[in-house]
Each structure stands twice: as C-alpha cells, then as structure tokens.
Amino acid sequence: MDFKRSEIMDQLPKQYFAHLVKTVNELKNTGADIINLGQGNPDQPTPPHIVDSMKSAVEKYENHRYPPFRGHSYVKEAAASFYQQQFGVELDPEKEVCVLFGGKGGLVEVSQCLLNKGDTALVPDPGYPDYWSGVALAGGQMEMMPLIKENHFLPDFTEVSAESLKKGKLMFLNYPNNPTGAAANKEFFEETVKVAREHDLCVVHDFAYGSIGFDNKKPLSFLETEGAKETGIEIFTLSKTYNMAGWRIAFAVGNASVIEMLNLYQDHMYVSIFGAVQEAAATALTGSQDCVEELVQMYEERRNTLIKGLHSIGWQVEAPAGSFFAWLPCPDGMTSDETAELLLHEAYVAVAPGRGFGEHGEGYIRVALTEEKERLEEAVERIKRCLGDRGTHSGAWHHSQP
C-alpha cells in the first residue's frame, strides 16, 4: 500500500546533487579513480584530544540517561566563552545560546519558528539549498538576493524590492560564503543591521566556515556588529572548524527571543544531544585552538596549490577569501552542468555545478579543497588534458599555456 504524501512534502525542493552523488558512486564502482571535489565533507579526522574527551565521556553513567532538554549548561557556557575569546562577543549562556543537532538542523528549524504560510524570506542566490528546504516546510516564499562578482558576492539591498522588504520576516546570510568563498566586511554587516532594523527582519547568519579565513584575515562574526544581537542570530557549527561533521553538534547564538523559539521547537522534537558528544564539544571550544590554526593553514596551502595550478594552465580564477571552496567560472560557452559532466566523465574529477545553488550560480562550478595537495595537483593535470584542446581551438577557455 502506497500512502499519499502531504502537500508540504511535495513542495520540498528537489535534491539537485543527488544525481551527482549517484553518478560518482557508479563510476567508482567501475574502478575509476575519481578525485571528488564536489562535496563539502571534511577529509581530516577529528583532533585526538576531542576524541579522547568523547571516549572518557562515553563511560560516564550520567551520559547514558536523557540529557537536559536544552542541553547541558557546561556546553552552552563553553559556546559563550568561545565567542568571548574569539570575537569579543558577550552571550548569556542560558538565554542567548541554543544547542543544535548540527548547523543544518538549525537553519531549517528557524524558518518553522519565524515564518507563517505565505511569509517571505530573503535568500542569497547562489546559496546553501537547505535554506530553501526550511522555507518550503514552513509554507513560506523566497525572494532571491543575487550574489554577483561585481558586488564581491555580497547582496545589494537596494536591489531588493520594497514589497519584499515589507513582507520579509527572515534574511539568510552566509560568510565566509558557500559556494563562492567570499568574505563579508564590517561595512556590509553594519548595512545589514540598518536594513534589518528598518524592516523588522530577523537576520540568520550561517557561520559554518567562521574559523576558515585566508591571508591572515580572520572572518568577522555578524554579532561583532553593533546592534546585531537585536536583529538576529548566528549559527556556528563544529563540523568544519574541528572536523566534527559526523558528530552533529552546533549552536545558535544571539537574539534571545529567537533562541527561545528554537529551544521551544526542539523541546517538541528531541531530548537534546548525547551527553558524551556535548562533553567533546565543550573540550573543542575551550581547549587549545592550535588544531584550528593548523587546519586553516592546511586549507590555505591547498587553495594556493589549486589556484596556482589552474592559473598555470590558463584558467583565470580568483582565490577564495575563506571557506574551503573555490568558485570557478565555467569555460566560455559551457554551462555549469556541461562543465561538471565533462570533468567527471573525461577527467574523473567531480565538481558541483553552480546551477544547483540557484539561478545566479549558473556559469560557475564549485570545487572543494577536501583532497590532499598531491590530489589537487593531479586534478589540475587531468583538467589540463581535458580542457586544453577546447581552449586552444574554440576559445572556450582563457588559454595561456606556453
């Protein structure tokens, strides 16, 4: 017997990248050596001191029972301490911190908390597709904010219609940015706070790559901006900073009313996260941050290897300012799907087509820095063999090989 899905389920956006994952796996099963740069899945292990903390915590009897609904106080205090030390932001651990089942969960949940059917959310384009999922589940509608190279991949609020600003309840932002690798500056966040105040918008800043900035430039927290806590929240995940993607723990911080909504929503959904994971998270946040510095250095070296290699074969691309992604313009005359398909089937290099991140992602592909430098060098060589003749003969590529 097949049951009919609810209308909300039918309104969910399609998982655009499911086809890519399926195709990559099928090729792998044939024995092909795929260099997978298409997914944002950290390739390094969780630092040993965090794993050791988890091992010890697993044996504690108190962690075998239900944890407090809203998380242990110590992990919320650890998050507040982390924000104070890293960004100079003061937080009330009980009122301004919410423990989340990974950043993705919070990004989907916040739409359920703030949007009624028909309400508008302002969403970056290109952007993380799970913003769309949350809005769809809430029955809301989206107003896309184009991120274009000419504006350094920052939204131009003057281009958002007055009606959308009036109807808007929620605004998603994400810097360092996935997929473009762009960074936000102080002036942009100040303008964001101004717009949010004028239009009663709740800003949700997805800070997933908040520790990964390059060229000695530390990413800015939205909450460092005067008035930011009045106008929104920030979501910080341990997945990228500490290679804890599989552990599923993050936190939302900022506006107390939104934090209370998230906590209340989760009261009805979960009984918080396994206590041993919370202990490990507290260890990560309050312990030595040397592992984070080493991680950022590693990603910067990988970035430099990739960008230098692509420049050497004539692909004119810009280096990302942060995150672990590079946003590459497609060869002239090729769509993002065509570029991704070509690289996968002829070079055995998997990348993510920009179209999957929104209409304004067309014309780009996203490349993840989640392989060792040697594999990135090999990827460049494969791309050179794959695209070289096309660039030479058709003008499809800014070709400058000797």
Protein backbone atom coordinates (compact mmCIF):
# COMPACT_ATOMS: atom_id res chain seq x y z
CA MET A 1 0.00 0.00 0.00
CA ASP A 2 1.37 3.41 -1.01
CA PHE A 3 0.24 6.40 1.03
CA LYS A 4 -0.13 9.90 -0.34
CA ARG A 5 2.43 12.45 0.78
CA SER A 6 1.37 15.69 2.38
CA GLU A 7 1.32 18.89 0.31
CA ILE A 8 4.29 20.20 2.28
CA MET A 9 6.35 17.17 1.27
CA ASP A 10 5.51 17.76 -2.38
CA GLN A 11 6.65 21.39 -2.08
CA LEU A 12 10.16 20.45 -0.93
CA PRO A 13 12.90 21.41 -3.40
CA LYS A 14 14.49 18.58 -5.34
CA GLN A 15 17.87 17.38 -4.12
CA TYR A 16 19.83 18.67 -7.10
CA PHE A 17 23.09 17.00 -6.13
CA ALA A 18 21.64 13.52 -5.63
CA HIS A 19 22.27 12.79 -9.32
CA LEU A 20 25.91 13.88 -8.99
CA VAL A 21 26.49 11.64 -5.97
CA LYS A 22 24.82 8.70 -7.74
CA THR A 23 26.92 9.17 -10.88
CA VAL A 24 30.17 9.49 -8.91
CA ASN A 25 29.41 6.30 -6.99
CA GLU A 26 28.54 4.43 -10.18
CA LEU A 27 31.86 5.44 -11.74
CA LYS A 28 33.74 4.47 -8.59
CA ASN A 29 32.11 1.05 -8.72
CA THR A 30 33.60 0.51 -12.18
CA GLY A 31 37.07 1.02 -10.69
CA ALA A 32 37.52 4.61 -11.88
CA ASP A 33 39.87 6.77 -9.80
CA ILE A 34 37.59 9.72 -9.02
CA ILE A 35 39.04 12.86 -7.43
CA ASN A 36 35.91 14.02 -5.61
CA LEU A 37 35.91 17.80 -5.21
CA GLY A 38 32.14 18.02 -5.42
CA GLN A 39 31.09 17.66 -1.78
CA GLY A 40 31.81 19.80 1.27
CA ASN A 41 32.76 16.89 3.52
CA PRO A 42 35.92 17.48 5.61
CA ASP A 43 38.55 14.84 4.87
CA GLN A 44 40.62 15.16 8.06
CA PRO A 45 39.98 13.29 11.34
CA THR A 46 38.67 14.97 14.47
CA PRO A 47 41.64 16.14 16.61
CA PRO A 48 42.78 13.47 19.11
CA HIS A 49 42.13 15.50 22.28
CA ILE A 50 38.47 15.85 21.28
CA VAL A 51 38.16 12.14 20.50
CA ASP A 52 39.80 11.30 23.85
CA SER A 53 37.28 13.52 25.63
CA MET A 54 34.46 11.63 23.94
CA LYS A 55 35.96 8.26 24.89
CA SER A 56 36.06 9.21 28.56
CA ALA A 57 32.59 10.71 28.49
CA VAL A 58 31.03 7.61 26.94
CA GLU A 59 31.85 5.62 30.09
CA LYS A 60 30.06 8.03 32.41
CA TYR A 61 26.77 6.67 33.70
CA GLU A 62 25.12 10.10 33.68
CA ASN A 63 25.64 10.31 29.92
CA HIS A 64 23.67 7.11 29.41
CA ARG A 65 20.49 8.83 30.57
CA TYR A 66 18.45 11.53 28.88
CA PRO A 67 20.35 14.83 28.86
CA PRO A 68 18.56 18.08 29.75
CA PHE A 69 16.12 19.07 27.01
CA ARG A 70 18.02 22.25 26.17
CA GLY A 71 21.50 20.85 26.57
CA HIS A 72 23.96 20.79 29.44
CA SER A 73 24.84 24.17 30.93
CA TYR A 74 28.55 23.47 30.53
CA VAL A 75 28.37 23.22 26.74
CA LYS A 76 26.37 26.45 26.49
CA GLU A 77 28.89 28.13 28.78
CA ALA A 78 31.66 26.78 26.55
CA ALA A 79 29.98 28.32 23.49
CA ALA A 80 29.66 31.67 25.27
CA SER A 81 33.31 31.52 26.35
CA PHE A 82 34.36 30.69 22.78
CA TYR A 83 32.51 33.72 21.40
CA GLN A 84 34.03 35.98 24.03
CA GLN A 85 37.55 34.80 23.31
CA GLN A 86 37.31 34.60 19.52
CA PHE A 87 35.08 37.56 18.70
CA GLY A 88 34.75 39.70 21.82
CA VAL A 89 31.01 38.99 21.92
CA GLU A 90 29.29 38.54 25.29
CA LEU A 91 26.50 35.98 25.47
CA ASP A 92 24.14 34.83 28.21
CA PRO A 93 24.62 31.03 28.07
CA GLU A 94 21.05 30.24 29.09
CA LYS A 95 19.18 32.90 27.12
CA GLU A 96 21.36 33.54 24.08
CA VAL A 97 22.72 30.07 23.21
CA CYS A 98 20.81 27.13 21.73
CA VAL A 99 22.44 23.72 21.22
CA LEU A 100 21.64 22.31 17.76
CA PHE A 101 21.76 18.92 16.06
CA GLY A 102 24.23 20.28 13.51
CA GLY A 103 24.03 23.62 11.75
CA LYS A 104 21.73 22.27 9.03
CA GLY A 105 19.06 21.46 11.62
CA GLY A 106 19.05 24.98 12.99
CA LEU A 107 18.95 26.55 9.52
CA VAL A 108 15.84 24.54 8.67
CA GLU A 109 14.21 24.95 12.09
CA VAL A 110 14.47 28.74 12.21
CA SER A 111 12.02 29.08 9.30
CA GLN A 112 9.49 26.97 11.22
CA CYS A 113 9.91 29.32 14.17
CA LEU A 114 9.51 32.63 12.34
CA LEU A 115 7.54 32.14 9.13
CA ASN A 116 3.82 31.76 8.67
CA LYS A 117 2.34 30.46 5.43
CA GLY A 118 2.97 33.00 2.69
CA ASP A 119 5.62 34.96 4.60
CA THR A 120 8.76 35.97 2.75
CA ALA A 121 12.37 35.01 3.44
CA LEU A 122 15.24 36.81 1.72
CA VAL A 123 17.69 34.19 0.49
CA PRO A 124 21.12 34.52 -1.18
CA ASP A 125 21.44 33.27 -4.75
CA PRO A 126 23.66 31.30 -5.08
CA GLY A 127 23.27 29.85 -1.61
CA TYR A 128 23.04 26.74 0.54
CA PRO A 129 20.00 24.75 -0.68
CA ASP A 130 18.79 23.86 2.82
CA TYR A 131 17.66 27.47 3.29
CA TRP A 132 15.10 26.64 0.62
CA SER A 133 14.08 23.46 2.42
CA GLY A 134 13.28 25.28 5.65
CA VAL A 135 11.23 27.95 3.90
CA ALA A 136 9.30 25.29 1.94
CA LEU A 137 8.50 23.32 5.10
CA ALA A 138 7.13 26.49 6.70
CA GLY A 139 4.95 27.25 3.67
CA GLY A 140 6.85 30.48 3.07
CA GLN A 141 8.09 32.06 -0.13
CA MET A 142 11.56 33.21 -1.13
CA GLU A 143 12.89 36.46 -2.51
CA MET A 144 16.28 35.75 -4.04
CA MET A 145 19.15 38.18 -3.43
CA PRO A 146 21.65 37.85 -6.30
CA LEU A 147 25.31 37.43 -5.36
CA ILE A 148 27.39 38.63 -8.30
CA LYS A 149 31.10 39.08 -8.84
CA GLU A 150 30.76 42.83 -9.49
CA ASN A 151 29.48 43.27 -5.91
CA HIS A 152 32.05 40.89 -4.39
CA PHE A 153 29.30 38.27 -3.97
CA LEU A 154 27.50 40.39 -1.36
CA PRO A 155 23.77 41.11 -1.75
CA ASP A 156 22.83 44.62 -2.82
CA PHE A 157 19.93 45.54 -0.54
CA THR A 158 18.95 48.44 -2.81
CA GLU A 159 18.04 45.86 -5.45
CA VAL A 160 15.53 44.10 -3.16
CA SER A 161 12.00 45.28 -3.88
CA ALA A 162 10.23 47.47 -1.33
CA GLU A 163 7.36 44.96 -1.25
CA SER A 164 9.70 42.07 -0.42
CA LEU A 165 11.34 44.07 2.36
CA LYS A 166 7.90 44.95 3.73
CA LYS A 167 6.69 41.33 3.63
CA GLY A 168 10.01 39.85 4.67
CA LYS A 169 10.36 38.19 8.05
CA LEU A 170 13.72 36.50 7.67
CA MET A 171 17.04 37.06 5.89
CA PHE A 172 19.67 34.36 5.40
CA LEU A 173 23.33 35.32 5.00
CA ASN A 174 26.48 33.19 4.93
CA TYR A 175 30.08 34.48 5.19
CA PRO A 176 32.64 33.12 4.55
CA ASN A 177 30.35 32.07 1.76
CA ASN A 178 29.34 28.70 0.41
CA PRO A 179 29.64 28.37 -2.54
CA THR A 180 31.59 31.48 -3.61
CA GLY A 181 34.28 31.62 -0.91
CA ALA A 182 33.64 35.38 -0.49
CA ALA A 183 34.05 37.22 2.81
CA ALA A 184 31.94 39.97 4.37
CA ASN A 185 33.37 43.21 5.75
CA LYS A 186 32.37 45.44 8.66
CA GLU A 187 30.56 47.94 6.44
CA PHE A 188 28.36 45.25 4.91
CA PHE A 189 27.28 43.90 8.30
CA GLU A 190 26.56 47.45 9.50
CA GLU A 191 24.35 47.98 6.46
CA THR A 192 22.66 44.64 7.17
CA VAL A 193 21.78 45.70 10.72
CA LYS A 194 20.40 49.01 9.41
CA VAL A 195 18.17 47.28 6.84
CA ALA A 196 17.02 44.68 9.39
CA ARG A 197 16.03 47.40 11.88
CA GLU A 198 14.17 49.42 9.28
CA HIS A 199 12.12 46.46 8.08
CA ASP A 200 11.80 44.27 11.21
CA LEU A 201 13.80 41.49 9.57
CA CYS A 202 15.41 38.69 11.53
CA VAL A 203 18.91 38.05 10.19
CA VAL A 204 20.17 34.46 10.30
CA HIS A 205 23.90 34.40 9.65
CA ASP A 206 25.15 30.95 8.71
CA PHE A 207 28.71 31.00 10.13
CA ALA A 208 29.63 27.44 9.19
CA TYR A 209 33.09 28.49 7.97
CA GLY A 210 33.61 31.07 10.70
CA SER A 211 37.12 29.89 11.53
CA ILE A 212 38.38 29.46 7.97
CA GLY A 213 39.76 32.73 6.63
CA PHE A 214 42.85 33.15 4.48
CA ASP A 215 45.71 35.62 4.01
CA ASN A 216 45.83 36.39 7.75
CA LYS A 217 42.26 37.72 7.70
CA LYS A 218 40.00 36.28 10.38
CA PRO A 219 36.33 36.02 9.36
CA LEU A 220 34.00 38.51 11.03
CA SER A 221 31.15 37.33 13.20
CA PHE A 222 27.89 39.10 12.43
CA LEU A 223 27.44 39.52 16.19
CA GLU A 224 30.54 41.72 16.38
CA THR A 225 28.44 44.42 14.69
CA GLU A 226 26.72 46.93 16.95
CA GLY A 227 23.01 46.11 17.13
CA ALA A 228 23.40 42.64 15.62
CA LYS A 229 22.02 40.80 18.66
CA GLU A 230 18.89 42.94 18.46
CA THR A 231 18.32 41.97 14.83
CA GLY A 232 19.20 38.31 14.56
CA ILE A 233 21.22 35.20 15.30
CA GLU A 234 24.31 33.39 14.11
CA ILE A 235 24.66 29.64 13.63
CA PHE A 236 28.10 28.15 14.29
CA THR A 237 28.83 24.50 13.67
CA LEU A 238 31.74 22.42 14.92
CA SER A 239 31.65 20.37 11.71
CA LYS A 240 34.17 22.42 9.74
CA THR A 241 36.26 24.08 12.46
CA TYR A 242 37.03 20.84 14.30
CA ASN A 243 36.37 18.22 11.60
CA MET A 244 33.32 17.03 13.55
CA ALA A 245 30.88 16.75 10.64
CA GLY A 246 29.65 13.31 11.69
CA TRP A 247 29.17 14.30 15.34
CA ARG A 248 26.19 16.56 14.53
CA ILE A 249 26.55 19.39 17.01
CA ALA A 250 26.34 23.15 16.54
CA PHE A 251 24.80 26.13 18.30
CA ALA A 252 22.75 29.22 17.54
CA VAL A 253 23.63 32.43 19.36
CA GLY A 254 22.20 35.91 19.53
CA ASN A 255 18.70 37.36 19.85
CA ALA A 256 17.12 35.91 22.98
CA SER A 257 13.59 35.72 21.56
CA VAL A 258 14.73 33.67 18.55
CA ILE A 259 16.89 31.45 20.76
CA GLU A 260 13.84 30.75 22.93
CA MET A 261 11.81 29.85 19.83
CA LEU A 262 14.48 27.39 18.69
CA ASN A 263 14.69 25.85 22.15
CA LEU A 264 10.91 25.52 22.33
CA TYR A 265 10.75 23.94 18.87
CA GLN A 266 13.42 21.43 19.85
CA ASP A 267 11.65 20.69 23.14
CA HIS A 268 8.94 19.13 20.97
CA MET A 269 11.34 17.36 18.63
CA TYR A 270 14.26 15.99 20.67
CA VAL A 271 15.71 15.35 24.11
CA SER A 272 18.99 17.11 23.27
CA ILE A 273 22.25 15.54 22.11
CA PHE A 274 24.11 12.57 23.63
CA GLY A 275 25.95 13.92 26.66
CA ALA A 276 29.30 12.50 25.57
CA VAL A 277 29.11 14.50 22.34
CA GLN A 278 28.33 17.61 24.37
CA GLU A 279 31.38 16.99 26.55
CA ALA A 280 33.57 16.58 23.47
CA ALA A 281 32.15 19.80 22.02
CA ALA A 282 32.97 21.69 25.22
CA THR A 283 36.52 20.33 25.04
CA ALA A 284 36.83 21.55 21.45
CA LEU A 285 35.53 25.03 22.24
CA THR A 286 37.52 25.67 25.42
CA GLY A 287 40.73 23.74 24.71
CA SER A 288 43.77 24.68 22.64
CA GLN A 289 42.91 26.12 19.25
CA ASP A 290 46.23 25.06 17.72
CA CYS A 291 44.39 22.37 15.75
CA VAL A 292 42.21 25.06 14.17
CA GLU A 293 45.21 27.16 13.16
CA GLU A 294 46.82 24.09 11.61
CA LEU A 295 43.61 23.26 9.76
CA VAL A 296 43.31 26.77 8.29
CA GLN A 297 46.97 26.64 7.22
CA MET A 298 46.33 23.31 5.50
CA TYR A 299 43.31 24.65 3.60
CA GLU A 300 45.23 27.78 2.59
CA GLU A 301 48.07 25.65 1.23
CA ARG A 302 45.55 23.57 -0.70
CA ARG A 303 43.87 26.71 -2.00
CA ASN A 304 47.19 28.10 -3.18
CA THR A 305 48.09 24.80 -4.84
CA LEU A 306 44.79 24.66 -6.72
CA ILE A 307 44.67 28.31 -7.79
CA LYS A 308 48.32 28.40 -8.85
CA GLY A 309 47.84 25.20 -10.81
CA LEU A 310 44.74 26.47 -12.61
CA HIS A 311 46.46 29.75 -13.44
CA SER A 312 49.40 27.81 -14.88
CA ILE A 313 47.13 26.05 -17.38
CA GLY A 314 45.31 29.20 -18.38
CA TRP A 315 42.14 29.08 -16.27
CA GLN A 316 41.68 32.58 -14.92
CA VAL A 317 40.09 32.07 -11.49
CA GLU A 318 40.09 34.05 -8.24
CA ALA A 319 41.29 32.72 -4.91
CA PRO A 320 38.59 32.39 -2.23
CA ALA A 321 38.88 34.60 0.86
CA GLY A 322 37.56 31.90 3.16
CA SER A 323 35.63 28.61 3.50
CA PHE A 324 37.08 25.50 1.86
CA PHE A 325 35.56 26.12 -1.56
CA ALA A 326 36.73 27.75 -4.77
CA TRP A 327 34.17 29.26 -7.16
CA LEU A 328 35.38 28.84 -10.72
CA PRO A 329 33.89 30.44 -13.83
CA CYS A 330 32.99 27.90 -16.46
CA PRO A 331 34.91 27.83 -19.75
CA ASP A 332 33.36 30.20 -22.27
CA GLY A 333 30.26 28.80 -23.92
CA MET A 334 29.73 25.99 -21.40
CA THR A 335 27.03 25.72 -18.75
CA SER A 336 27.80 24.58 -15.22
CA ASP A 337 26.15 21.21 -15.88
CA GLU A 338 28.14 20.72 -19.07
CA THR A 339 31.40 21.63 -17.33
CA ALA A 340 30.73 19.31 -14.41
CA GLU A 341 29.71 16.43 -16.69
CA LEU A 342 32.78 16.88 -18.88
CA LEU A 343 35.21 16.98 -15.96
CA LEU A 344 33.60 13.97 -14.32
CA HIS A 345 33.44 11.70 -17.35
CA GLU A 346 36.63 12.75 -19.16
CA ALA A 347 38.92 13.84 -16.31
CA TYR A 348 37.37 11.80 -13.48
CA VAL A 349 37.23 14.99 -11.39
CA ALA A 350 33.92 15.58 -9.60
CA VAL A 351 32.81 19.18 -9.05
CA ALA A 352 29.47 20.76 -8.13
CA PRO A 353 27.57 22.64 -10.88
CA GLY A 354 26.79 26.19 -9.82
CA ARG A 355 23.19 25.93 -11.03
CA GLY A 356 22.46 23.69 -8.06
CA PHE A 357 22.94 26.68 -5.74
CA GLY A 358 20.49 28.95 -7.52
CA GLU A 359 19.90 30.78 -10.80
CA HIS A 360 22.88 33.09 -10.27
CA GLY A 361 25.15 30.12 -9.71
CA GLU A 362 24.93 29.33 -13.43
CA GLY A 363 28.23 29.93 -15.18
CA TYR A 364 30.30 28.62 -12.25
CA ILE A 365 31.37 25.36 -10.66
CA ARG A 366 32.22 24.83 -7.00
CA VAL A 367 35.39 22.97 -6.09
CA ALA A 368 36.02 21.73 -2.54
CA LEU A 369 39.51 21.79 -1.03
CA THR A 370 38.90 18.43 0.61
CA GLU A 371 41.70 16.42 -1.00
CA GLU A 372 45.43 16.39 -0.29
CA LYS A 373 47.67 18.77 -2.27
CA GLU A 374 49.00 15.94 -4.41
CA ARG A 375 45.48 15.00 -5.46
CA LEU A 376 44.68 18.64 -6.27
CA GLU A 377 47.80 18.79 -8.45
CA GLU A 378 46.66 15.61 -10.18
CA ALA A 379 43.20 17.13 -10.67
CA VAL A 380 44.77 20.16 -12.38
CA GLU A 381 46.75 17.89 -14.71
CA ARG A 382 43.63 15.96 -15.63
CA ILE A 383 41.73 19.21 -16.25
CA LYS A 384 44.59 20.44 -18.43
CA ARG A 385 44.37 17.33 -20.61
CA CYS A 386 40.58 17.55 -20.71
CA LEU A 387 40.14 21.25 -21.47
CA GLY A 388 43.40 22.14 -23.19
CA ASP A 389 42.39 21.47 -26.77
CA ARG A 390 38.98 23.04 -26.29
CA GLY A 391 40.62 26.23 -25.10
CA THR A 392 43.13 26.26 -27.94
CA HIS A 393 40.69 25.58 -30.75
CA SER A 394 37.34 27.03 -29.70
CA GLY A 395 38.13 29.96 -27.44
CA ALA A 396 36.19 28.16 -24.71
CA TRP A 397 38.91 28.79 -22.20
CA HIS A 398 41.26 31.66 -21.42
CA HIS A 399 44.22 29.59 -22.55
CA SER A 400 47.73 30.86 -21.87
CA GLN A 401 49.89 27.75 -21.76
CA PRO A 402 53.43 28.14 -23.11
